Amino acid sequence: MVYITRKEIFSAAHKLVRHDWSDEKNKEVFGKCSNENWHGHNYTVYITVKGEVNPETGFVINLTEVSEVLHRKVIAKVDHKNLNLDVDFMQGILPSTENFAIAIWNELEESIKLLGGVLHCIKVQETEKNYVEYFGTLTQNP
């Protein structure tokens, strides 16, 4: 089994807030991430696909095709956008890094299969110190 990864970088804003909670509770739980005026990150996303090497191409999967799918289904929708307000696949979902990684997986999994690959991992790095890795076994929290 071989694992191959594509990396992309984008910027996006979000706010961690539960509308069924008071402002005080949101601040207590989410801290500065619940700032009423939002905040942003320069995210890095890593898409890892696994499989056997095709003896004809020498590839597990064509990374140019993976990049095209990633840009069309994710990057074009999130880059310089507000995850809470602008991104269709994040509507109604608390935009934590954990939920964001799950949502990206859900956006890409079928398209990667159609390219002949198996999605192995989505890694979303929110800051230099924080990242999430998702391997496709959970569902999102509202």
Protein backbone atom coordinates (compact mmCIF):
# COMPACT_ATOMS: atom_id res chain seq x y z
CA MET A 1 0.00 0.00 0.00
CA VAL A 2 1.28 3.44 -0.98
CA TYR A 3 0.02 6.75 0.41
CA ILE A 4 0.24 9.95 -1.62
CA THR A 5 -0.67 13.42 -0.36
CA ARG A 6 -1.63 16.71 -2.00
CA LYS A 7 -1.23 19.95 0.01
CA GLU A 8 -3.14 23.19 -0.56
CA ILE A 9 -3.20 26.49 1.35
CA PHE A 10 -6.12 28.91 1.65
CA SER A 11 -7.45 31.65 3.91
CA ALA A 12 -10.88 31.69 5.51
CA ALA A 13 -12.78 33.29 8.38
CA HIS A 14 -15.11 31.70 10.88
CA LYS A 15 -16.66 32.09 14.30
CA LEU A 16 -17.30 29.32 16.79
CA VAL A 17 -20.75 30.00 18.15
CA ARG A 18 -23.78 28.00 19.15
CA HIS A 19 -26.88 30.11 18.69
CA ASP A 20 -28.72 28.08 21.33
CA TRP A 21 -26.15 29.24 23.92
CA SER A 22 -25.79 32.65 25.57
CA ASP A 23 -22.93 34.97 24.62
CA GLU A 24 -21.38 34.23 28.00
CA LYS A 25 -21.48 30.45 27.45
CA ASN A 26 -20.00 30.82 23.93
CA LYS A 27 -17.17 32.94 25.31
CA GLU A 28 -16.59 30.50 28.16
CA VAL A 29 -16.36 27.49 25.83
CA PHE A 30 -14.90 28.97 22.63
CA GLY A 31 -12.93 31.95 24.00
CA LYS A 32 -11.57 34.35 21.41
CA CYS A 33 -12.81 32.02 18.65
CA SER A 34 -16.34 33.28 19.41
CA ASN A 35 -15.34 36.90 18.66
CA GLU A 36 -18.47 38.71 17.44
CA ASN A 37 -16.44 40.19 14.56
CA TRP A 38 -15.14 36.79 13.40
CA HIS A 39 -11.51 35.78 12.95
CA GLY A 40 -9.49 34.09 10.23
CA HIS A 41 -6.78 31.54 9.55
CA ASN A 42 -4.35 30.62 6.84
CA TYR A 43 -5.32 26.96 6.59
CA THR A 44 -3.32 24.14 5.09
CA VAL A 45 -5.20 21.06 3.93
CA TYR A 46 -3.56 17.73 3.12
CA ILE A 47 -5.47 15.12 1.11
CA THR A 48 -3.99 11.62 1.38
CA VAL A 49 -5.05 8.87 -1.03
CA LYS A 50 -3.97 5.25 -0.67
CA GLY A 51 -3.68 2.38 -3.08
CA GLU A 52 -1.41 0.21 -5.13
CA VAL A 53 0.88 1.66 -7.77
CA ASN A 54 -0.52 1.28 -11.27
CA PRO A 55 2.26 -0.49 -13.24
CA GLU A 56 1.34 1.41 -16.44
CA THR A 57 1.51 4.93 -14.95
CA GLY A 58 3.64 4.46 -11.86
CA PHE A 59 0.92 6.38 -9.95
CA VAL A 60 -1.41 5.48 -7.12
CA ILE A 61 -3.60 8.26 -8.50
CA ASN A 62 -2.99 11.19 -10.82
CA LEU A 63 -2.32 14.14 -8.48
CA THR A 64 -3.26 16.63 -11.19
CA GLU A 65 -6.76 15.15 -11.19
CA VAL A 66 -6.85 15.12 -7.37
CA SER A 67 -5.83 18.79 -7.36
CA GLU A 68 -8.55 19.68 -9.89
CA VAL A 69 -11.23 17.97 -7.76
CA LEU A 70 -9.91 19.54 -4.56
CA HIS A 71 -9.97 23.02 -6.12
CA ARG A 72 -13.43 22.64 -7.63
CA LYS A 73 -15.15 21.01 -4.66
CA VAL A 74 -13.35 22.70 -1.74
CA ILE A 75 -10.77 25.44 -2.35
CA ALA A 76 -12.91 27.54 -4.71
CA LYS A 77 -15.70 27.46 -2.12
CA VAL A 78 -13.62 28.28 0.98
CA ASP A 79 -10.70 30.50 -0.06
CA HIS A 80 -11.19 34.03 1.28
CA LYS A 81 -14.70 33.09 2.43
CA ASN A 82 -16.56 32.96 5.72
CA LEU A 83 -17.07 29.30 6.67
CA ASN A 84 -20.19 30.13 8.68
CA LEU A 85 -21.92 32.18 5.99
CA ASP A 86 -20.50 31.50 2.52
CA VAL A 87 -19.70 27.79 2.26
CA ASP A 88 -22.53 25.50 1.15
CA PHE A 89 -21.08 22.33 2.66
CA MET A 90 -20.62 24.00 6.07
CA GLN A 91 -24.18 25.32 6.42
CA GLY A 92 -25.68 24.37 9.78
CA ILE A 93 -22.37 22.93 11.01
CA LEU A 94 -20.28 24.43 13.80
CA PRO A 95 -17.06 25.28 11.88
CA SER A 96 -14.53 23.76 14.27
CA THR A 97 -11.44 22.35 12.61
CA GLU A 98 -12.72 18.87 13.44
CA ASN A 99 -16.06 19.41 11.69
CA PHE A 100 -14.34 21.20 8.81
CA ALA A 101 -12.10 18.17 8.18
CA ILE A 102 -15.14 15.86 8.18
CA ALA A 103 -16.98 18.16 5.77
CA ILE A 104 -14.01 18.24 3.38
CA TRP A 105 -13.88 14.43 3.46
CA ASN A 106 -17.57 14.29 2.60
CA GLU A 107 -17.04 16.68 -0.31
CA LEU A 108 -14.17 14.67 -1.77
CA GLU A 109 -14.71 10.99 -1.01
CA GLU A 110 -16.96 10.09 -3.96
CA SER A 111 -14.92 12.10 -6.48
CA ILE A 112 -11.69 10.43 -5.34
CA LYS A 113 -13.38 7.03 -5.79
CA LEU A 114 -14.39 8.02 -9.31
CA LEU A 115 -10.72 8.79 -10.03
CA GLY A 116 -9.85 5.27 -8.90
CA GLY A 117 -8.47 6.18 -5.50
CA VAL A 118 -9.30 5.53 -1.88
CA LEU A 119 -9.37 8.55 0.40
CA HIS A 120 -7.23 7.77 3.44
CA CYS A 121 -6.95 11.00 5.43
CA ILE A 122 -7.88 14.66 5.47
CA LYS A 123 -5.54 16.79 7.56
CA VAL A 124 -6.53 20.39 8.23
CA GLN A 125 -3.92 22.61 9.85
CA GLU A 126 -5.54 25.70 11.35
CA THR A 127 -2.45 27.20 13.00
CA GLU A 128 1.21 26.29 13.29
CA LYS A 129 0.34 24.52 16.54
CA ASN A 130 -3.05 22.94 15.78
CA TYR A 131 -4.22 20.43 13.22
CA VAL A 132 -6.85 17.71 12.83
CA GLU A 133 -6.58 14.42 10.98
CA TYR A 134 -9.75 12.62 9.89
CA PHE A 135 -9.87 9.07 8.57
CA GLY A 136 -13.53 8.82 7.56
CA THR A 137 -15.25 7.16 10.48
CA LEU A 138 -17.28 9.89 12.23
CA THR A 139 -20.17 12.21 11.46
CA GLN A 140 -20.36 15.96 11.98
CA ASN A 141 -21.80 17.66 15.02
CA PRO A 142 -24.29 20.50 14.45
